[in-house]
N, C-alpha and C. Protein backbone atom coordinates (compact mmCIF):
# COMPACT_ATOMS: atom_id res chain seq x y z
N MET A 1 -10.22 -4.70 -27.11
CA MET A 1 -10.76 -4.57 -25.77
C MET A 1 -9.61 -4.67 -24.74
N GLN A 2 -9.59 -3.71 -23.82
CA GLN A 2 -8.54 -3.68 -22.81
C GLN A 2 -8.80 -4.70 -21.72
N LYS A 3 -7.71 -5.34 -21.25
CA LYS A 3 -7.82 -6.29 -20.15
C LYS A 3 -8.25 -5.56 -18.88
N PRO A 4 -9.03 -6.24 -18.03
CA PRO A 4 -9.37 -5.62 -16.75
C PRO A 4 -8.10 -5.42 -15.91
N LEU A 5 -8.07 -4.33 -15.19
CA LEU A 5 -6.90 -3.99 -14.39
C LEU A 5 -7.13 -4.33 -12.92
N PRO A 6 -6.07 -4.67 -12.20
CA PRO A 6 -6.24 -4.87 -10.76
C PRO A 6 -6.52 -3.53 -10.08
N THR A 7 -7.14 -3.61 -8.93
CA THR A 7 -7.51 -2.42 -8.16
C THR A 7 -6.51 -2.21 -7.03
N VAL A 8 -6.08 -0.98 -6.86
CA VAL A 8 -5.20 -0.63 -5.74
C VAL A 8 -6.08 -0.42 -4.50
N ILE A 9 -5.79 -1.16 -3.45
CA ILE A 9 -6.49 -1.00 -2.17
C ILE A 9 -5.56 -0.20 -1.27
N VAL A 10 -5.94 1.05 -0.99
CA VAL A 10 -5.14 1.92 -0.13
C VAL A 10 -5.63 1.75 1.30
N LEU A 11 -4.75 1.29 2.17
CA LEU A 11 -5.11 1.02 3.57
C LEU A 11 -4.88 2.27 4.40
N ALA A 12 -5.97 2.94 4.79
CA ALA A 12 -5.90 4.17 5.57
C ALA A 12 -6.75 4.08 6.83
N ALA A 13 -6.95 2.87 7.33
CA ALA A 13 -7.83 2.67 8.50
C ALA A 13 -7.06 2.45 9.79
N GLY A 14 -5.74 2.45 9.73
CA GLY A 14 -4.94 2.14 10.92
C GLY A 14 -4.99 3.23 11.98
N ARG A 15 -4.55 2.87 13.15
CA ARG A 15 -4.55 3.79 14.29
C ARG A 15 -3.26 4.60 14.37
N SER A 16 -2.23 4.23 13.64
CA SER A 16 -0.91 4.86 13.64
C SER A 16 -0.40 5.13 15.06
N ALA A 17 -0.50 4.11 15.91
CA ALA A 17 -0.16 4.25 17.32
C ALA A 17 1.30 4.66 17.54
N ARG A 18 2.24 4.05 16.81
CA ARG A 18 3.66 4.40 17.00
C ARG A 18 3.93 5.86 16.68
N PHE A 19 3.37 6.32 15.57
CA PHE A 19 3.61 7.70 15.16
C PHE A 19 2.95 8.66 16.16
N ARG A 20 1.71 8.36 16.54
CA ARG A 20 1.00 9.22 17.50
C ARG A 20 1.76 9.32 18.82
N ALA A 21 2.26 8.19 19.31
CA ALA A 21 2.98 8.17 20.58
C ALA A 21 4.26 9.00 20.51
N ALA A 22 4.93 8.97 19.38
CA ALA A 22 6.21 9.66 19.24
C ALA A 22 6.06 11.12 18.82
N SER A 23 4.87 11.50 18.37
CA SER A 23 4.70 12.86 17.82
C SER A 23 3.72 13.72 18.61
N GLY A 24 3.33 13.27 19.77
CA GLY A 24 2.39 14.06 20.56
C GLY A 24 0.96 13.96 20.06
N GLY A 25 0.64 12.86 19.40
CA GLY A 25 -0.74 12.61 18.98
C GLY A 25 -1.07 12.90 17.54
N GLN A 26 -0.11 13.31 16.73
CA GLN A 26 -0.38 13.61 15.33
C GLN A 26 -0.66 12.34 14.53
N ASP A 27 -1.60 12.42 13.61
CA ASP A 27 -1.91 11.33 12.69
C ASP A 27 -0.87 11.34 11.56
N LYS A 28 -0.19 10.23 11.36
CA LYS A 28 0.88 10.21 10.35
C LYS A 28 0.37 10.47 8.95
N LEU A 29 -0.85 10.06 8.65
CA LEU A 29 -1.37 10.26 7.30
C LEU A 29 -1.67 11.73 7.01
N GLN A 30 -1.88 12.53 8.08
CA GLN A 30 -2.14 13.96 7.92
C GLN A 30 -0.87 14.81 8.04
N ALA A 31 0.25 14.18 8.41
CA ALA A 31 1.51 14.91 8.53
C ALA A 31 1.91 15.47 7.17
N LEU A 32 2.43 16.69 7.18
CA LEU A 32 2.80 17.33 5.93
C LEU A 32 4.16 16.85 5.42
N LEU A 33 4.18 16.64 4.14
CA LEU A 33 5.39 16.30 3.41
C LEU A 33 5.42 17.27 2.24
N GLY A 34 6.12 18.39 2.41
CA GLY A 34 6.02 19.46 1.43
C GLY A 34 4.68 20.16 1.62
N GLN A 35 3.97 20.36 0.54
CA GLN A 35 2.69 21.08 0.58
C GLN A 35 1.49 20.16 0.79
N ARG A 36 1.73 18.85 0.74
CA ARG A 36 0.63 17.88 0.86
C ARG A 36 0.86 16.94 2.02
N SER A 37 -0.21 16.32 2.46
CA SER A 37 -0.10 15.33 3.53
C SER A 37 0.47 14.02 2.98
N VAL A 38 0.93 13.18 3.88
CA VAL A 38 1.42 11.85 3.52
C VAL A 38 0.35 11.13 2.71
N ARG A 39 -0.87 11.14 3.21
CA ARG A 39 -1.99 10.47 2.53
C ARG A 39 -2.19 11.04 1.12
N GLU A 40 -2.17 12.36 0.99
CA GLU A 40 -2.39 12.98 -0.32
C GLU A 40 -1.31 12.58 -1.32
N HIS A 41 -0.07 12.47 -0.86
CA HIS A 41 1.00 12.02 -1.75
C HIS A 41 0.73 10.59 -2.24
N THR A 42 0.34 9.72 -1.31
CA THR A 42 0.07 8.33 -1.68
C THR A 42 -1.07 8.25 -2.69
N ILE A 43 -2.16 8.95 -2.41
CA ILE A 43 -3.32 8.95 -3.32
C ILE A 43 -2.93 9.53 -4.68
N ALA A 44 -2.12 10.57 -4.70
CA ALA A 44 -1.69 11.17 -5.97
C ALA A 44 -0.92 10.16 -6.81
N ALA A 45 -0.06 9.37 -6.18
CA ALA A 45 0.70 8.35 -6.92
C ALA A 45 -0.25 7.30 -7.49
N VAL A 46 -1.23 6.89 -6.69
CA VAL A 46 -2.21 5.90 -7.15
C VAL A 46 -3.00 6.45 -8.33
N GLN A 47 -3.46 7.69 -8.22
CA GLN A 47 -4.21 8.29 -9.32
C GLN A 47 -3.36 8.39 -10.59
N ALA A 48 -2.09 8.77 -10.42
CA ALA A 48 -1.20 8.91 -11.58
C ALA A 48 -0.89 7.57 -12.24
N SER A 49 -1.07 6.48 -11.50
CA SER A 49 -0.80 5.15 -12.08
C SER A 49 -1.83 4.77 -13.14
N GLY A 50 -3.01 5.37 -13.07
CA GLY A 50 -4.08 5.03 -14.00
C GLY A 50 -4.85 3.78 -13.63
N LEU A 51 -4.52 3.18 -12.50
CA LEU A 51 -5.21 1.97 -12.05
C LEU A 51 -6.46 2.34 -11.25
N PRO A 52 -7.48 1.47 -11.27
CA PRO A 52 -8.62 1.72 -10.39
C PRO A 52 -8.16 1.61 -8.94
N TRP A 53 -8.86 2.30 -8.04
CA TRP A 53 -8.43 2.27 -6.64
C TRP A 53 -9.61 2.44 -5.69
N HIS A 54 -9.34 2.03 -4.45
CA HIS A 54 -10.33 2.11 -3.38
C HIS A 54 -9.58 2.36 -2.07
N VAL A 55 -10.07 3.29 -1.26
CA VAL A 55 -9.44 3.60 0.02
C VAL A 55 -10.26 2.97 1.14
N VAL A 56 -9.60 2.24 2.03
CA VAL A 56 -10.24 1.68 3.22
C VAL A 56 -9.98 2.65 4.37
N GLU A 57 -11.06 3.24 4.87
CA GLU A 57 -11.00 4.21 5.97
C GLU A 57 -11.36 3.53 7.29
N ALA A 58 -11.06 4.21 8.40
CA ALA A 58 -11.41 3.68 9.72
C ALA A 58 -12.92 3.42 9.83
N ALA A 59 -13.72 4.24 9.20
CA ALA A 59 -15.17 4.05 9.26
C ALA A 59 -15.60 2.71 8.65
N HIS A 60 -14.83 2.21 7.69
CA HIS A 60 -15.17 0.94 7.03
C HIS A 60 -14.93 -0.26 7.93
N THR A 61 -14.07 -0.11 8.94
CA THR A 61 -13.76 -1.23 9.84
C THR A 61 -14.24 -0.96 11.26
N ALA A 62 -15.01 0.11 11.46
CA ALA A 62 -15.45 0.52 12.81
C ALA A 62 -16.33 -0.53 13.48
N HIS A 63 -16.96 -1.39 12.70
CA HIS A 63 -17.84 -2.42 13.27
C HIS A 63 -17.05 -3.61 13.84
N ILE A 64 -15.75 -3.61 13.64
CA ILE A 64 -14.89 -4.72 14.09
C ILE A 64 -14.19 -4.30 15.39
N THR A 65 -14.22 -5.17 16.38
CA THR A 65 -13.51 -4.90 17.62
C THR A 65 -12.01 -5.04 17.37
N LEU A 66 -11.26 -3.99 17.64
CA LEU A 66 -9.81 -3.96 17.42
C LEU A 66 -9.41 -4.43 16.01
N PRO A 67 -9.86 -3.71 14.99
CA PRO A 67 -9.49 -4.12 13.63
C PRO A 67 -8.00 -3.98 13.37
N GLY A 68 -7.48 -4.90 12.58
CA GLY A 68 -6.07 -4.87 12.20
C GLY A 68 -5.91 -4.80 10.70
N MET A 69 -4.68 -4.93 10.25
CA MET A 69 -4.40 -4.84 8.82
C MET A 69 -5.14 -5.91 8.03
N GLY A 70 -5.23 -7.12 8.58
CA GLY A 70 -5.95 -8.19 7.88
C GLY A 70 -7.41 -7.81 7.65
N ASP A 71 -8.03 -7.20 8.65
CA ASP A 71 -9.42 -6.76 8.52
C ASP A 71 -9.55 -5.68 7.45
N SER A 72 -8.58 -4.76 7.41
CA SER A 72 -8.61 -3.69 6.40
C SER A 72 -8.46 -4.26 4.99
N ILE A 73 -7.54 -5.19 4.83
CA ILE A 73 -7.35 -5.81 3.51
C ILE A 73 -8.64 -6.53 3.09
N ALA A 74 -9.20 -7.34 3.99
CA ALA A 74 -10.42 -8.08 3.66
C ALA A 74 -11.56 -7.12 3.30
N THR A 75 -11.69 -6.04 4.04
CA THR A 75 -12.74 -5.05 3.78
C THR A 75 -12.56 -4.43 2.39
N GLY A 76 -11.34 -4.06 2.05
CA GLY A 76 -11.07 -3.46 0.75
C GLY A 76 -11.30 -4.42 -0.40
N VAL A 77 -10.86 -5.65 -0.25
CA VAL A 77 -11.03 -6.64 -1.31
C VAL A 77 -12.51 -6.96 -1.49
N ARG A 78 -13.24 -7.09 -0.39
CA ARG A 78 -14.70 -7.34 -0.50
C ARG A 78 -15.40 -6.19 -1.23
N ALA A 79 -14.95 -4.97 -0.99
CA ALA A 79 -15.57 -3.80 -1.64
C ALA A 79 -15.32 -3.79 -3.15
N CYS A 80 -14.27 -4.48 -3.59
CA CYS A 80 -13.90 -4.53 -5.01
C CYS A 80 -13.75 -5.99 -5.45
N ALA A 81 -14.67 -6.81 -5.01
CA ALA A 81 -14.57 -8.26 -5.20
C ALA A 81 -14.48 -8.69 -6.66
N GLN A 82 -15.00 -7.90 -7.57
CA GLN A 82 -14.99 -8.29 -8.99
C GLN A 82 -13.73 -7.83 -9.72
N ALA A 83 -12.78 -7.27 -8.99
CA ALA A 83 -11.55 -6.78 -9.62
C ALA A 83 -10.74 -7.92 -10.22
N ALA A 84 -9.84 -7.57 -11.12
CA ALA A 84 -8.96 -8.55 -11.77
C ALA A 84 -7.78 -8.93 -10.88
N GLY A 85 -7.74 -8.37 -9.70
CA GLY A 85 -6.66 -8.58 -8.74
C GLY A 85 -6.57 -7.34 -7.88
N TRP A 86 -5.64 -7.35 -6.94
CA TRP A 86 -5.54 -6.23 -6.00
C TRP A 86 -4.09 -5.93 -5.70
N LEU A 87 -3.78 -4.65 -5.59
CA LEU A 87 -2.49 -4.19 -5.12
C LEU A 87 -2.73 -3.60 -3.73
N ILE A 88 -2.14 -4.19 -2.71
CA ILE A 88 -2.36 -3.75 -1.34
C ILE A 88 -1.29 -2.72 -1.00
N LEU A 89 -1.73 -1.49 -0.73
CA LEU A 89 -0.81 -0.37 -0.50
C LEU A 89 -1.16 0.37 0.78
N PRO A 90 -0.33 0.25 1.82
CA PRO A 90 -0.55 1.08 3.00
C PRO A 90 -0.46 2.56 2.62
N ALA A 91 -1.31 3.39 3.21
CA ALA A 91 -1.37 4.82 2.86
C ALA A 91 -0.18 5.60 3.37
N ASP A 92 0.71 4.96 4.14
CA ASP A 92 1.86 5.68 4.69
C ASP A 92 3.13 5.50 3.85
N LEU A 93 2.96 5.23 2.56
CA LEU A 93 4.09 5.15 1.62
C LEU A 93 3.98 6.31 0.62
N PRO A 94 4.25 7.53 1.06
CA PRO A 94 3.98 8.71 0.23
C PRO A 94 4.90 8.89 -0.97
N LEU A 95 5.99 8.15 -1.01
CA LEU A 95 6.94 8.34 -2.10
C LEU A 95 6.93 7.21 -3.12
N VAL A 96 5.99 6.28 -2.98
CA VAL A 96 5.89 5.21 -3.97
C VAL A 96 5.60 5.83 -5.33
N GLN A 97 6.21 5.28 -6.36
CA GLN A 97 6.09 5.84 -7.70
C GLN A 97 4.96 5.16 -8.49
N PRO A 98 4.24 5.94 -9.28
CA PRO A 98 3.20 5.35 -10.13
C PRO A 98 3.72 4.22 -11.01
N ALA A 99 4.96 4.34 -11.48
CA ALA A 99 5.54 3.30 -12.34
C ALA A 99 5.65 1.97 -11.59
N THR A 100 5.92 2.02 -10.30
CA THR A 100 5.99 0.80 -9.50
C THR A 100 4.62 0.14 -9.42
N LEU A 101 3.58 0.93 -9.22
CA LEU A 101 2.23 0.38 -9.19
C LEU A 101 1.89 -0.29 -10.51
N ARG A 102 2.20 0.39 -11.61
CA ARG A 102 1.92 -0.19 -12.93
C ARG A 102 2.73 -1.46 -13.17
N ALA A 103 3.99 -1.47 -12.74
CA ALA A 103 4.84 -2.65 -12.94
C ALA A 103 4.31 -3.86 -12.17
N VAL A 104 3.86 -3.64 -10.94
CA VAL A 104 3.28 -4.74 -10.16
C VAL A 104 2.00 -5.23 -10.84
N ALA A 105 1.16 -4.31 -11.29
CA ALA A 105 -0.08 -4.69 -11.97
C ALA A 105 0.21 -5.51 -13.22
N GLU A 106 1.19 -5.09 -14.01
CA GLU A 106 1.53 -5.83 -15.23
C GLU A 106 2.06 -7.22 -14.92
N ALA A 107 2.87 -7.33 -13.88
CA ALA A 107 3.43 -8.64 -13.51
C ALA A 107 2.35 -9.60 -13.03
N LEU A 108 1.23 -9.06 -12.52
CA LEU A 108 0.12 -9.93 -12.08
C LEU A 108 -0.53 -10.67 -13.24
N GLU A 109 -0.30 -10.24 -14.45
CA GLU A 109 -0.87 -10.93 -15.60
C GLU A 109 -0.34 -12.36 -15.71
N SER A 110 0.87 -12.59 -15.17
CA SER A 110 1.46 -13.93 -15.30
C SER A 110 1.92 -14.53 -13.96
N HIS A 111 1.62 -13.88 -12.85
CA HIS A 111 2.02 -14.38 -11.54
C HIS A 111 0.87 -14.23 -10.54
N THR A 112 0.83 -15.10 -9.55
CA THR A 112 -0.24 -15.08 -8.55
C THR A 112 -0.04 -13.97 -7.53
N ILE A 113 1.20 -13.79 -7.07
CA ILE A 113 1.53 -12.74 -6.11
C ILE A 113 2.81 -12.08 -6.57
N VAL A 114 2.83 -10.74 -6.49
CA VAL A 114 3.99 -9.96 -6.92
C VAL A 114 4.34 -8.97 -5.81
N GLN A 115 5.63 -8.93 -5.46
CA GLN A 115 6.08 -7.98 -4.45
C GLN A 115 7.27 -7.21 -4.98
N PRO A 116 7.19 -5.87 -4.97
CA PRO A 116 8.34 -5.10 -5.44
C PRO A 116 9.50 -5.22 -4.46
N VAL A 117 10.70 -5.19 -5.01
CA VAL A 117 11.92 -5.28 -4.20
C VAL A 117 12.85 -4.16 -4.64
N TYR A 118 13.29 -3.39 -3.66
CA TYR A 118 14.24 -2.31 -3.93
C TYR A 118 15.51 -2.59 -3.15
N GLN A 119 16.61 -2.76 -3.85
CA GLN A 119 17.91 -3.04 -3.25
C GLN A 119 17.84 -4.13 -2.17
N GLY A 120 17.16 -5.21 -2.51
CA GLY A 120 17.08 -6.37 -1.63
C GLY A 120 16.00 -6.31 -0.57
N GLN A 121 15.31 -5.19 -0.44
CA GLN A 121 14.24 -5.06 0.56
C GLN A 121 12.88 -5.19 -0.11
N ARG A 122 12.04 -6.04 0.47
CA ARG A 122 10.69 -6.22 -0.04
C ARG A 122 9.82 -5.02 0.35
N GLY A 123 8.97 -4.60 -0.57
CA GLY A 123 8.17 -3.41 -0.33
C GLY A 123 6.71 -3.57 -0.68
N HIS A 124 6.07 -2.45 -0.96
CA HIS A 124 4.65 -2.38 -1.31
C HIS A 124 4.50 -1.53 -2.57
N PRO A 125 3.42 -1.75 -3.29
CA PRO A 125 2.28 -2.59 -2.98
C PRO A 125 2.56 -4.05 -3.31
N VAL A 126 1.95 -4.94 -2.57
CA VAL A 126 1.99 -6.35 -2.90
C VAL A 126 0.77 -6.61 -3.78
N GLY A 127 1.01 -7.24 -4.93
CA GLY A 127 -0.08 -7.54 -5.85
C GLY A 127 -0.56 -8.97 -5.71
N PHE A 128 -1.86 -9.14 -5.76
CA PHE A 128 -2.49 -10.45 -5.65
C PHE A 128 -3.43 -10.65 -6.83
N ALA A 129 -3.30 -11.78 -7.51
CA ALA A 129 -4.20 -12.12 -8.62
C ALA A 129 -5.60 -12.43 -8.07
N ALA A 130 -6.56 -12.43 -8.95
CA ALA A 130 -7.96 -12.66 -8.56
C ALA A 130 -8.14 -13.99 -7.82
N ALA A 131 -7.32 -14.98 -8.14
CA ALA A 131 -7.41 -16.28 -7.47
C ALA A 131 -7.18 -16.18 -5.97
N CYS A 132 -6.54 -15.12 -5.53
CA CYS A 132 -6.27 -14.92 -4.09
C CYS A 132 -7.44 -14.28 -3.36
N GLY A 133 -8.47 -13.90 -4.09
CA GLY A 133 -9.60 -13.19 -3.49
C GLY A 133 -10.18 -13.86 -2.25
N PRO A 134 -10.55 -15.15 -2.31
CA PRO A 134 -11.12 -15.78 -1.13
C PRO A 134 -10.18 -15.74 0.08
N GLY A 135 -8.90 -15.95 -0.14
CA GLY A 135 -7.94 -15.89 0.96
C GLY A 135 -7.81 -14.49 1.53
N LEU A 136 -7.82 -13.47 0.68
CA LEU A 136 -7.73 -12.09 1.14
C LEU A 136 -8.99 -11.69 1.91
N MET A 137 -10.14 -12.11 1.42
CA MET A 137 -11.40 -11.76 2.08
C MET A 137 -11.57 -12.45 3.43
N ALA A 138 -10.82 -13.52 3.67
CA ALA A 138 -10.90 -14.25 4.92
C ALA A 138 -9.94 -13.72 5.99
N LEU A 139 -9.11 -12.75 5.64
CA LEU A 139 -8.12 -12.25 6.59
C LEU A 139 -8.79 -11.52 7.76
N THR A 140 -8.18 -11.65 8.93
CA THR A 140 -8.63 -10.93 10.12
C THR A 140 -7.40 -10.55 10.94
N GLY A 141 -7.60 -9.71 11.92
CA GLY A 141 -6.53 -9.38 12.84
C GLY A 141 -5.46 -8.53 12.21
N ASP A 142 -4.28 -8.58 12.81
CA ASP A 142 -3.20 -7.68 12.42
C ASP A 142 -2.08 -8.35 11.64
N GLN A 143 -2.28 -9.55 11.15
CA GLN A 143 -1.21 -10.26 10.45
C GLN A 143 -1.11 -9.89 8.98
N GLY A 144 -2.04 -9.16 8.46
CA GLY A 144 -1.98 -8.85 7.04
C GLY A 144 -2.09 -10.12 6.21
N ALA A 145 -1.43 -10.15 5.08
CA ALA A 145 -1.54 -11.28 4.15
C ALA A 145 -0.34 -12.22 4.25
N ARG A 146 0.32 -12.23 5.39
CA ARG A 146 1.52 -13.05 5.58
C ARG A 146 1.29 -14.52 5.22
N ALA A 147 0.15 -15.08 5.62
CA ALA A 147 -0.12 -16.49 5.34
C ALA A 147 -0.17 -16.76 3.83
N LEU A 148 -0.76 -15.85 3.07
CA LEU A 148 -0.81 -16.01 1.61
C LEU A 148 0.58 -15.91 1.01
N LEU A 149 1.39 -15.02 1.54
CA LEU A 149 2.76 -14.88 1.04
C LEU A 149 3.59 -16.12 1.33
N GLN A 150 3.25 -16.82 2.40
CA GLN A 150 3.96 -18.05 2.72
C GLN A 150 3.43 -19.23 1.90
N ALA A 151 2.15 -19.19 1.55
CA ALA A 151 1.55 -20.28 0.79
C ALA A 151 1.91 -20.22 -0.70
N HIS A 152 2.11 -19.03 -1.22
CA HIS A 152 2.46 -18.82 -2.64
C HIS A 152 3.74 -18.00 -2.67
N VAL A 153 4.77 -18.51 -3.28
CA VAL A 153 6.01 -17.75 -3.36
C VAL A 153 5.78 -16.57 -4.30
N PRO A 154 5.91 -15.34 -3.78
CA PRO A 154 5.67 -14.19 -4.65
C PRO A 154 6.81 -13.96 -5.62
N LEU A 155 6.49 -13.40 -6.76
CA LEU A 155 7.51 -12.93 -7.68
C LEU A 155 8.16 -11.72 -7.02
N ALA A 156 9.46 -11.73 -6.87
CA ALA A 156 10.20 -10.59 -6.35
C ALA A 156 10.55 -9.70 -7.54
N LEU A 157 9.80 -8.63 -7.69
CA LEU A 157 9.94 -7.74 -8.84
C LEU A 157 10.90 -6.60 -8.49
N SER A 158 12.06 -6.62 -9.11
CA SER A 158 13.06 -5.59 -8.84
C SER A 158 12.59 -4.25 -9.42
N VAL A 159 12.59 -3.21 -8.58
CA VAL A 159 12.19 -1.87 -9.01
C VAL A 159 13.23 -0.86 -8.55
N ASP A 160 13.29 0.26 -9.24
CA ASP A 160 14.18 1.35 -8.87
C ASP A 160 13.34 2.43 -8.20
N ASP A 161 12.84 2.11 -7.01
CA ASP A 161 11.90 3.00 -6.32
C ASP A 161 12.04 2.82 -4.81
N ALA A 162 12.85 3.68 -4.19
CA ALA A 162 13.01 3.62 -2.74
C ALA A 162 11.69 3.89 -2.03
N GLY A 163 10.76 4.56 -2.71
CA GLY A 163 9.46 4.86 -2.12
C GLY A 163 8.63 3.64 -1.78
N CYS A 164 8.92 2.51 -2.41
CA CYS A 164 8.14 1.30 -2.14
C CYS A 164 8.51 0.66 -0.81
N ILE A 165 9.63 1.07 -0.22
CA ILE A 165 10.03 0.51 1.07
C ILE A 165 10.02 1.56 2.18
N HIS A 166 9.75 2.80 1.83
CA HIS A 166 9.87 3.88 2.81
C HIS A 166 8.50 4.28 3.37
N ASP A 167 8.09 3.58 4.43
CA ASP A 167 6.84 3.96 5.08
C ASP A 167 7.13 5.02 6.14
N VAL A 168 6.09 5.70 6.57
CA VAL A 168 6.23 6.79 7.53
C VAL A 168 5.57 6.35 8.83
N ASP A 169 6.27 5.51 9.59
CA ASP A 169 5.75 4.99 10.85
C ASP A 169 6.19 5.78 12.07
N THR A 170 7.20 6.63 11.92
CA THR A 170 7.73 7.42 13.03
C THR A 170 8.05 8.83 12.53
N PRO A 171 8.17 9.80 13.45
CA PRO A 171 8.59 11.14 13.01
C PRO A 171 9.95 11.12 12.31
N GLU A 172 10.84 10.22 12.73
CA GLU A 172 12.14 10.10 12.08
C GLU A 172 11.99 9.62 10.64
N ALA A 173 11.07 8.69 10.41
CA ALA A 173 10.81 8.21 9.05
C ALA A 173 10.21 9.32 8.19
N LEU A 174 9.39 10.19 8.80
CA LEU A 174 8.84 11.33 8.08
C LEU A 174 9.97 12.27 7.65
N GLU A 175 10.91 12.52 8.53
CA GLU A 175 12.07 13.37 8.18
C GLU A 175 12.88 12.73 7.06
N ALA A 176 13.08 11.42 7.13
CA ALA A 176 13.81 10.72 6.07
C ALA A 176 13.06 10.84 4.74
N ALA A 177 11.72 10.78 4.79
CA ALA A 177 10.92 10.95 3.57
C ALA A 177 11.09 12.35 3.01
N ARG A 178 11.16 13.33 3.88
CA ARG A 178 11.38 14.72 3.43
C ARG A 178 12.73 14.85 2.72
N ARG A 179 13.76 14.21 3.29
CA ARG A 179 15.08 14.25 2.65
C ARG A 179 15.07 13.55 1.29
N LEU A 180 14.42 12.38 1.22
CA LEU A 180 14.34 11.64 -0.04
C LEU A 180 13.57 12.43 -1.09
N MET A 181 12.50 13.09 -0.65
CA MET A 181 11.72 13.90 -1.57
C MET A 181 12.56 15.07 -2.10
N ALA A 182 13.34 15.69 -1.24
CA ALA A 182 14.21 16.79 -1.65
C ALA A 182 15.26 16.30 -2.65
N GLN A 183 15.79 15.11 -2.43
CA GLN A 183 16.77 14.53 -3.36
C GLN A 183 16.14 14.30 -4.72
N ARG A 184 14.91 13.83 -4.73
CA ARG A 184 14.22 13.60 -6.02
C ARG A 184 14.02 14.90 -6.76
N VAL A 185 13.64 15.96 -6.03
CA VAL A 185 13.42 17.26 -6.66
C VAL A 185 14.74 17.78 -7.24
N GLN A 186 15.84 17.63 -6.51
CA GLN A 186 17.14 18.07 -7.00
C GLN A 186 17.58 17.29 -8.23
N ALA A 187 17.21 16.02 -8.30
CA ALA A 187 17.60 15.18 -9.43
C ALA A 187 16.87 15.56 -10.71
N LEU A 188 15.75 16.25 -10.59
CA LEU A 188 14.99 16.65 -11.78
C LEU A 188 15.65 17.75 -12.47
């Protein structure tokens, strides 16, 4: 019998205010990166990981006045409350590798919180064991899970994946993602 797997919670409910302001109103998750949108790349990586997943959309947090990342995380974890744990992944990390998702999930078997680290920089997804469920479900506002990360020292899991630290928060970051994606294609 296979062990239950943690669920990837893809956070796609944000307002992307910085990107919209700098790009004339474009939604960063719909911005094209090659033939697919940023969001589609992120979802494709999650699907390729083989892990169960759930996407938190703006409609899921519309009942909250000024919802933030904490509200999105809590909403996603509540929707998958029976999961064996959760990997919290913002939808604006289009170059994250499926292997990184699997590595974080595997490390959760023996650690309470796991955070991938690429060349000294902490990235996503951050993995939380099932014991963190009540704390994650209680999150509100825009602080994310910072308090949990301070209460439990996360395992810093070294990965060879620049995609885990490369979010697309600005048009310049989108261009950098395009360059990184082109480098990956050339390396194949």
